[in-house]
Every structure is written in C-alpha cells, then in structure tokens.
C-alpha cells in the first residue's frame, strides 16, 4: 500500500469515527456542522473520508460530538511507527544496505527516518 493510500485510509477512518460518535450522541449532521462553525457539506465530506479537517476544525468537532481528539486520531500512525513497521519488513541485507556507515548501533534521528521511510516505500513493489 502506498503512502497516499495509507493516508487516505487514515482520513476515511477518522471520518467514520466522527460519524459514529456524532450519531451515538444523537447529533444531526446539520447541528454538528453549525456548532463546529463549518458547512454541512464539508462535514459530510469529512465523514465520508473525502476531506480532512484542519487541526482547529477537528478540535471543534471533537468538542461538539463529545469525543477526545486523541481518541479520534488514535488510529493514525506516527512517522516513528511507520518507520519501525517499514524497517521490520526489510531483510537483513536490505537493512545493511541502508545503514549509515560508522553508526553502530544504527539509531537514525527523526530526519534520517523520514528520508529512509521514503526510500523504503519506493523500494517496495507498487500494488494496484
């Protein structure tokens, strides 16, 4: 799965969580949108995974639907988690080829992980 596909899946899951919480609270789409200061159309797009709200709008929505913002985004993997998963999927030989010479044990910093994650994702065969 490409990075874009993963991000789209995360956005879709966020939308589902927002909808479930809104409906569980008996809040209409129109009322939730109005109280969050956004259009009904935009909230509909968010709940259907078509649009991703900004952090400010997400915080407002969380308040309106009575959810903790951390619970709404708990499914989103951090760069650290994505790197660890990608690194674990590599063979010993692939890891050896990607390690920075002279760094033992291999402990890449955040920026290095960002670059290596892109390299690893580009190494993996594209799935249709």
C-alpha atoms as a PDB file:
ATOM      1  CA  UNK A   1       0.000   0.000   0.000  1.00  0.00           C
ATOM      2  CA  UNK A   2       1.446   3.370  -0.969  1.00  0.00           C
ATOM      3  CA  UNK A   3       1.839   6.242   1.462  1.00  0.00           C
ATOM      4  CA  UNK A   4      -1.033   8.072  -0.257  1.00  0.00           C
ATOM      5  CA  UNK A   5      -3.295   5.028   0.080  1.00  0.00           C
ATOM      6  CA  UNK A   6      -2.391   4.740   3.775  1.00  0.00           C
ATOM      7  CA  UNK A   7      -3.143   8.415   4.355  1.00  0.00           C
ATOM      8  CA  UNK A   8      -6.467   8.087   2.520  1.00  0.00           C
ATOM      9  CA  UNK A   9      -7.355   5.084   4.691  1.00  0.00           C
ATOM     10  CA  UNK A  10      -6.499   7.076   7.832  1.00  0.00           C
ATOM     11  CA  UNK A  11      -8.678  10.001   6.666  1.00  0.00           C
ATOM     12  CA  UNK A  12     -11.555   7.608   5.920  1.00  0.00           C
ATOM     13  CA  UNK A  13     -11.244   6.029   9.390  1.00  0.00           C
ATOM     14  CA  UNK A  14     -11.230   9.481  11.001  1.00  0.00           C
ATOM     15  CA  UNK A  15     -14.452  10.290   9.159  1.00  0.00           C
ATOM     16  CA  UNK A  16     -16.064   7.040  10.297  1.00  0.00           C
ATOM     17  CA  UNK A  17     -15.116   7.742  13.919  1.00  0.00           C
ATOM     18  CA  UNK A  18     -16.576  11.247  13.736  1.00  0.00           C
ATOM     19  CA  UNK A  19     -19.818   9.959  12.215  1.00  0.00           C
ATOM     20  CA  UNK A  20     -20.184   7.117  14.753  1.00  0.00           C
ATOM     21  CA  UNK A  21     -19.648   9.487  17.680  1.00  0.00           C
ATOM     22  CA  UNK A  22     -21.986  12.119  16.252  1.00  0.00           C
ATOM     23  CA  UNK A  23     -24.742   9.595  15.622  1.00  0.00           C
ATOM     24  CA  UNK A  24     -24.216   7.918  19.019  1.00  0.00           C
ATOM     25  CA  UNK A  25     -24.734  11.330  20.607  1.00  0.00           C
ATOM     26  CA  UNK A  26     -27.928  11.890  18.634  1.00  0.00           C
ATOM     27  CA  UNK A  27     -26.483  14.980  16.938  1.00  0.00           C
ATOM     28  CA  UNK A  28     -27.652  15.736  13.410  1.00  0.00           C
ATOM     29  CA  UNK A  29     -25.149  16.454  10.667  1.00  0.00           C
ATOM     30  CA  UNK A  30     -26.520  19.989  10.283  1.00  0.00           C
ATOM     31  CA  UNK A  31     -26.379  20.717  14.014  1.00  0.00           C
ATOM     32  CA  UNK A  32     -22.832  19.363  14.406  1.00  0.00           C
ATOM     33  CA  UNK A  33     -21.640  21.401  11.423  1.00  0.00           C
ATOM     34  CA  UNK A  34     -23.292  24.574  12.703  1.00  0.00           C
ATOM     35  CA  UNK A  35     -21.861  24.144  16.209  1.00  0.00           C
ATOM     36  CA  UNK A  36     -18.372  23.461  14.782  1.00  0.00           C
ATOM     37  CA  UNK A  37     -18.596  26.506  12.515  1.00  0.00           C
ATOM     38  CA  UNK A  38     -18.335  24.595   9.245  1.00  0.00           C
ATOM     39  CA  UNK A  39     -20.717  23.840   6.404  1.00  0.00           C
ATOM     40  CA  UNK A  40     -22.855  20.720   6.379  1.00  0.00           C
ATOM     41  CA  UNK A  41     -21.336  19.839   3.015  1.00  0.00           C
ATOM     42  CA  UNK A  42     -17.811  19.953   4.434  1.00  0.00           C
ATOM     43  CA  UNK A  43     -18.722  17.820   7.451  1.00  0.00           C
ATOM     44  CA  UNK A  44     -20.356  15.328   5.088  1.00  0.00           C
ATOM     45  CA  UNK A  45     -17.118  15.179   3.084  1.00  0.00           C
ATOM     46  CA  UNK A  46     -15.101  14.675   6.282  1.00  0.00           C
ATOM     47  CA  UNK A  47     -17.370  11.855   7.451  1.00  0.00           C
ATOM     48  CA  UNK A  48     -17.126  10.196   4.041  1.00  0.00           C
ATOM     49  CA  UNK A  49     -13.315  10.401   4.002  1.00  0.00           C
ATOM     50  CA  UNK A  50     -13.236  12.820   1.078  1.00  0.00           C
ATOM     51  CA  UNK A  51     -11.845  15.789   3.021  1.00  0.00           C
ATOM     52  CA  UNK A  52      -9.575  16.048   6.032  1.00  0.00           C
ATOM     53  CA  UNK A  53     -10.303  18.729   8.627  1.00  0.00           C
ATOM     54  CA  UNK A  54      -7.603  21.045   9.923  1.00  0.00           C
ATOM     55  CA  UNK A  55      -6.438  20.547  13.497  1.00  0.00           C
ATOM     56  CA  UNK A  56      -8.562  23.501  14.620  1.00  0.00           C
ATOM     57  CA  UNK A  57     -11.725  22.158  12.992  1.00  0.00           C
ATOM     58  CA  UNK A  58     -11.002  18.655  14.290  1.00  0.00           C
ATOM     59  CA  UNK A  59     -10.710  20.069  17.824  1.00  0.00           C
ATOM     60  CA  UNK A  60     -14.047  21.872  17.403  1.00  0.00           C
ATOM     61  CA  UNK A  61     -15.708  18.717  16.063  1.00  0.00           C
ATOM     62  CA  UNK A  62     -14.340  16.665  18.952  1.00  0.00           C
ATOM     63  CA  UNK A  63     -15.862  19.125  21.404  1.00  0.00           C
ATOM     64  CA  UNK A  64     -19.213  19.159  19.586  1.00  0.00           C
ATOM     65  CA  UNK A  65     -19.507  15.365  19.462  1.00  0.00           C
ATOM     66  CA  UNK A  66     -18.102  14.875  22.966  1.00  0.00           C
ATOM     67  CA  UNK A  67     -15.019  12.917  21.973  1.00  0.00           C
ATOM     68  CA  UNK A  68     -11.406  13.272  22.992  1.00  0.00           C
ATOM     69  CA  UNK A  69      -9.384  14.400  19.969  1.00  0.00           C
ATOM     70  CA  UNK A  70      -6.714  11.797  20.820  1.00  0.00           C
ATOM     71  CA  UNK A  71      -9.306   9.023  20.518  1.00  0.00           C
ATOM     72  CA  UNK A  72     -10.342  10.324  17.100  1.00  0.00           C
ATOM     73  CA  UNK A  73      -6.791  10.152  15.753  1.00  0.00           C
ATOM     74  CA  UNK A  74      -5.549   7.120  17.704  1.00  0.00           C
ATOM     75  CA  UNK A  75      -5.510   5.021  14.504  1.00  0.00           C
ATOM     76  CA  UNK A  76      -3.055   7.372  12.772  1.00  0.00           C
ATOM     77  CA  UNK A  77       0.469   6.045  12.880  1.00  0.00           C
ATOM     78  CA  UNK A  78       3.264   8.446  13.689  1.00  0.00           C
ATOM     79  CA  UNK A  79       6.286   8.664  11.440  1.00  0.00           C
ATOM     80  CA  UNK A  80       8.188   6.715  14.093  1.00  0.00           C
ATOM     81  CA  UNK A  81       5.639   3.882  13.994  1.00  0.00           C
ATOM     82  CA  UNK A  82       5.537   3.862  10.187  1.00  0.00           C
ATOM     83  CA  UNK A  83       9.349   3.762  10.057  1.00  0.00           C
ATOM     84  CA  UNK A  84       9.522   0.923  12.601  1.00  0.00           C
ATOM     85  CA  UNK A  85       6.961  -1.106  10.614  1.00  0.00           C
ATOM     86  CA  UNK A  86       8.747  -0.469   7.314  1.00  0.00           C
ATOM     87  CA  UNK A  87      12.171  -1.249   8.834  1.00  0.00           C
ATOM     88  CA  UNK A  88      10.873  -4.508  10.315  1.00  0.00           C
ATOM     89  CA  UNK A  89       9.617  -5.587   6.888  1.00  0.00           C
ATOM     90  CA  UNK A  90      13.116  -5.402   5.350  1.00  0.00           C
ATOM     91  CA  UNK A  91      15.511  -8.289   5.000  1.00  0.00           C
ATOM     92  CA  UNK A  92      18.840  -8.269   6.837  1.00  0.00           C
ATOM     93  CA  UNK A  93      20.597  -7.495   3.562  1.00  0.00           C
ATOM     94  CA  UNK A  94      18.288  -4.564   2.766  1.00  0.00           C
ATOM     95  CA  UNK A  95      18.810  -3.136   6.249  1.00  0.00           C
ATOM     96  CA  UNK A  96      22.570  -3.482   5.893  1.00  0.00           C
ATOM     97  CA  UNK A  97      22.476  -1.599   2.571  1.00  0.00           C
ATOM     98  CA  UNK A  98      20.503   1.283   4.104  1.00  0.00           C
ATOM     99  CA  UNK A  99      22.508   1.734   7.294  1.00  0.00           C
ATOM    100  CA  UNK A 100      24.738   4.757   7.591  1.00  0.00           C
ATOM    101  CA  UNK A 101      28.377   3.670   7.727  1.00  0.00           C
ATOM    102  CA  UNK A 102      30.127   4.230  11.029  1.00  0.00           C
ATOM    103  CA  UNK A 103      26.916   4.410  13.029  1.00  0.00           C
ATOM    104  CA  UNK A 104      26.867   1.406  15.378  1.00  0.00           C
ATOM    105  CA  UNK A 105      24.373   0.603  16.671  1.00  0.00           C
ATOM    106  CA  UNK A 106      22.169   2.052  13.963  1.00  0.00           C
ATOM    107  CA  UNK A 107      19.927   4.689  15.579  1.00  0.00           C
ATOM    108  CA  UNK A 108      18.685   7.141  12.949  1.00  0.00           C
ATOM    109  CA  UNK A 109      17.353  10.522  14.066  1.00  0.00           C
ATOM    110  CA  UNK A 110      13.917  11.806  13.059  1.00  0.00           C
ATOM    111  CA  UNK A 111      15.052  13.460   9.801  1.00  0.00           C
ATOM    112  CA  UNK A 112      17.003  10.355   8.758  1.00  0.00           C
ATOM    113  CA  UNK A 113      13.960   8.178   9.487  1.00  0.00           C
ATOM    114  CA  UNK A 114      11.847  10.470   7.308  1.00  0.00           C
ATOM    115  CA  UNK A 115      14.224  10.052   4.367  1.00  0.00           C
ATOM    116  CA  UNK A 116      14.714   6.320   4.921  1.00  0.00           C
ATOM    117  CA  UNK A 117      10.951   5.785   5.107  1.00  0.00           C
ATOM    118  CA  UNK A 118      10.596   7.358   1.656  1.00  0.00           C
ATOM    119  CA  UNK A 119      13.435   5.188   0.333  1.00  0.00           C
ATOM    120  CA  UNK A 120      11.897   2.021   1.816  1.00  0.00           C
ATOM    121  CA  UNK A 121       8.460   2.873   0.431  1.00  0.00           C
ATOM    122  CA  UNK A 122       9.981   3.424  -3.014  1.00  0.00           C
ATOM    123  CA  UNK A 123      11.830   0.086  -2.789  1.00  0.00           C
ATOM    124  CA  UNK A 124       8.647  -1.864  -2.243  1.00  0.00           C
ATOM    125  CA  UNK A 125       6.807  -3.039  -5.352  1.00  0.00           C
ATOM    126  CA  UNK A 126       3.784  -0.963  -6.284  1.00  0.00           C
ATOM    127  CA  UNK A 127       0.457  -2.731  -5.815  1.00  0.00           C
ATOM    128  CA  UNK A 128      -2.510  -1.855  -7.963  1.00  0.00           C
END
